[in-house]
Amino acid sequence: MQTVYEVAGAADGLLRLAHAWHARVMADEVVSHAFSHGFRADHSQRLAAYWAEALGGPTTYSDSYGDETSVVRIHSGNGPHEEMDRRAIACFDQALVDVGLARDDRLRQVLHDYFAWTTTTTMSRYHGSADDVPDGLRIPQWSWNGLVGESSPDEI
């Protein structure tokens, strides 16, 4: 069985999705606030590499940019932001349509579930302070059946 990463178009497919999502959030008056302090020029490439690793692809993100701890720290210490999270997920769902990944209902649902889960759990768990994020976190792995190792016995 192919991984979610492969069915989503591998590196190229996830890069297209990352670009589409980034364009959507930058146009959203609430979610764009998260980028008001600026962002790296290679944000979409890094995001695509992160998603790729989480969805069964190569470990490019961990090998080149950092671990889950570094990602979660970037998203921490900003207080609760449920409305921003909800809108970021809506932007993601629309980005799936924009790049043609919503045509496959199973893929669309798995990608939505992954993004919604990571947005509302790992990325918002430490809203008090980035200093609360523990060292050594690993990028969670997601399969066709959800979170690997917790809610799913499947390997990616």
Protein backbone atom coordinates (compact mmCIF):
# COMPACT_ATOMS: atom_id res chain seq x y z
CA MET A 1 0.00 0.00 0.00
CA GLN A 2 1.25 3.45 -0.88
CA THR A 3 1.91 5.95 1.88
CA VAL A 4 -0.14 9.10 2.28
CA TYR A 5 3.01 10.94 1.17
CA GLU A 6 3.13 9.02 -2.13
CA VAL A 7 -0.57 9.38 -2.92
CA ALA A 8 -0.41 13.11 -2.14
CA GLY A 9 2.17 13.50 -4.90
CA ALA A 10 5.35 13.05 -2.86
CA ALA A 11 7.67 16.05 -2.49
CA ASP A 12 6.24 17.96 -5.46
CA GLY A 13 2.62 17.43 -4.43
CA LEU A 14 3.24 18.55 -0.86
CA LEU A 15 5.23 21.57 -2.03
CA ARG A 16 2.30 22.62 -4.22
CA LEU A 17 0.01 22.15 -1.21
CA ALA A 18 2.33 24.17 1.06
CA HIS A 19 2.44 27.04 -1.47
CA ALA A 20 -1.35 26.98 -1.85
CA TRP A 21 -1.93 26.89 1.91
CA HIS A 22 0.56 29.70 2.51
CA ALA A 23 -1.14 31.87 -0.13
CA ARG A 24 -4.52 31.21 1.50
CA VAL A 25 -3.36 32.05 5.02
CA MET A 26 -1.61 35.21 3.91
CA ALA A 27 -4.91 36.36 2.40
CA ASP A 28 -6.82 35.56 5.62
CA GLU A 29 -7.10 38.55 7.96
CA VAL A 30 -6.88 36.40 11.10
CA VAL A 31 -4.39 33.69 10.17
CA SER A 32 -2.00 36.09 8.44
CA HIS A 33 -1.38 37.67 11.85
CA ALA A 34 0.78 34.63 12.68
CA PHE A 35 3.17 35.79 9.94
CA SER A 36 3.12 39.49 10.85
CA HIS A 37 6.58 39.18 12.45
CA GLY A 38 7.90 37.90 9.13
CA PHE A 39 8.73 34.45 7.84
CA ARG A 40 11.54 32.66 6.10
CA ALA A 41 11.71 32.85 2.31
CA ASP A 42 11.82 29.04 2.24
CA HIS A 43 8.78 28.63 4.53
CA SER A 44 6.81 26.59 2.00
CA GLN A 45 9.76 24.29 1.28
CA ARG A 46 10.29 23.66 5.00
CA LEU A 47 6.58 23.12 5.56
CA ALA A 48 6.39 20.64 2.68
CA ALA A 49 9.42 18.78 4.06
CA TYR A 50 7.78 18.63 7.50
CA TRP A 51 4.50 17.32 6.10
CA ALA A 52 6.42 14.84 3.93
CA GLU A 53 8.21 13.38 6.92
CA ALA A 54 5.01 13.17 8.96
CA LEU A 55 3.14 11.48 6.11
CA GLY A 56 5.62 8.70 5.34
CA GLY A 57 8.20 10.45 3.20
CA PRO A 58 11.90 11.11 3.67
CA THR A 59 13.34 12.57 6.87
CA THR A 60 14.52 15.72 5.10
CA TYR A 61 13.01 18.01 7.72
CA SER A 62 14.67 16.31 10.68
CA ASP A 63 17.93 15.85 8.79
CA SER A 64 18.15 19.46 7.60
CA TYR A 65 16.06 21.79 9.76
CA GLY A 66 15.36 20.43 13.23
CA ASP A 67 13.12 18.18 15.25
CA GLU A 68 9.54 18.43 16.46
CA THR A 69 10.69 20.44 19.46
CA SER A 70 11.95 23.24 17.22
CA VAL A 71 8.70 23.29 15.23
CA VAL A 72 6.48 23.29 18.31
CA ARG A 73 8.54 26.06 19.94
CA ILE A 74 7.96 28.29 16.91
CA HIS A 75 4.21 27.81 17.38
CA SER A 76 4.20 28.17 21.18
CA GLY A 77 3.85 30.97 23.70
CA ASN A 78 1.17 32.88 21.82
CA GLY A 79 -1.81 32.16 24.05
CA PRO A 80 -4.90 30.26 22.97
CA HIS A 81 -5.92 30.91 19.36
CA GLU A 82 -8.87 28.69 18.52
CA GLU A 83 -10.30 31.03 15.87
CA MET A 84 -6.94 31.24 14.12
CA ASP A 85 -6.65 27.44 14.24
CA ARG A 86 -10.14 26.99 12.81
CA ARG A 87 -9.41 29.39 9.97
CA ALA A 88 -5.99 27.83 9.27
CA ILE A 89 -7.71 24.45 8.91
CA ALA A 90 -10.31 25.99 6.56
CA CYS A 91 -7.45 27.45 4.49
CA PHE A 92 -5.84 24.01 4.37
CA ASP A 93 -9.08 22.40 3.20
CA GLN A 94 -9.39 24.98 0.43
CA ALA A 95 -5.73 24.53 -0.52
CA LEU A 96 -6.45 20.81 -0.99
CA VAL A 97 -9.08 21.84 -3.55
CA ASP A 98 -6.73 24.37 -5.16
CA VAL A 99 -4.07 21.74 -5.91
CA GLY A 100 -6.46 18.93 -6.82
CA LEU A 101 -5.90 16.75 -3.74
CA ALA A 102 -9.55 16.97 -2.69
CA ARG A 103 -10.72 14.85 -5.64
CA ASP A 104 -9.74 11.68 -3.81
CA ASP A 105 -12.14 11.60 -0.85
CA ARG A 106 -10.00 9.26 1.24
CA LEU A 107 -6.85 11.31 0.70
CA ARG A 108 -8.69 14.57 1.37
CA GLN A 109 -10.07 13.22 4.65
CA VAL A 110 -6.72 11.83 5.84
CA LEU A 111 -4.90 15.08 5.03
CA HIS A 112 -7.65 17.15 6.69
CA ASP A 113 -7.56 14.93 9.79
CA TYR A 114 -3.77 15.16 9.99
CA PHE A 115 -3.68 18.94 9.62
CA ALA A 116 -6.57 19.50 12.03
CA TRP A 117 -4.99 17.18 14.60
CA THR A 118 -1.54 18.74 14.47
CA THR A 119 -2.98 22.27 14.47
CA THR A 120 -5.18 21.72 17.50
CA THR A 121 -2.86 19.48 19.52
CA THR A 122 0.90 19.57 19.02
CA MET A 123 1.06 23.10 17.63
CA SER A 124 -1.19 24.61 20.30
CA ARG A 125 -0.32 22.53 23.36
CA TYR A 126 2.15 25.00 24.87
CA HIS A 127 0.32 28.28 24.47
CA GLY A 128 1.78 29.68 27.70
CA SER A 129 5.45 29.68 26.76
CA ALA A 130 7.81 28.15 24.22
CA ASP A 131 10.06 27.35 27.20
CA ASP A 132 7.51 24.72 28.25
CA VAL A 133 8.16 22.59 25.15
CA PRO A 134 10.30 19.57 26.08
CA ASP A 135 13.51 18.75 24.25
CA GLY A 136 13.78 15.73 21.98
CA LEU A 137 10.28 15.59 20.50
CA ARG A 138 9.99 13.57 17.29
CA ILE A 139 7.80 14.49 14.34
CA PRO A 140 4.56 12.52 14.77
CA GLN A 141 3.91 10.01 12.01
CA TRP A 142 0.50 9.85 10.33
CA SER A 143 -0.86 7.00 8.21
CA TRP A 144 -4.11 6.16 6.45
CA ASN A 145 -5.44 5.14 9.87
CA GLY A 146 -4.33 8.23 11.77
CA LEU A 147 -1.58 8.77 14.27
CA VAL A 148 0.97 5.96 14.15
CA GLY A 149 1.85 4.42 17.47
CA GLU A 150 -1.10 5.86 19.39
CA SER A 151 -4.39 5.66 17.56
CA SER A 152 -3.18 3.33 14.83
CA PRO A 153 -1.14 0.13 14.92
CA ASP A 154 -0.21 0.53 11.24
CA GLU A 155 3.23 1.42 10.08
CA ILE A 156 3.50 4.19 7.52
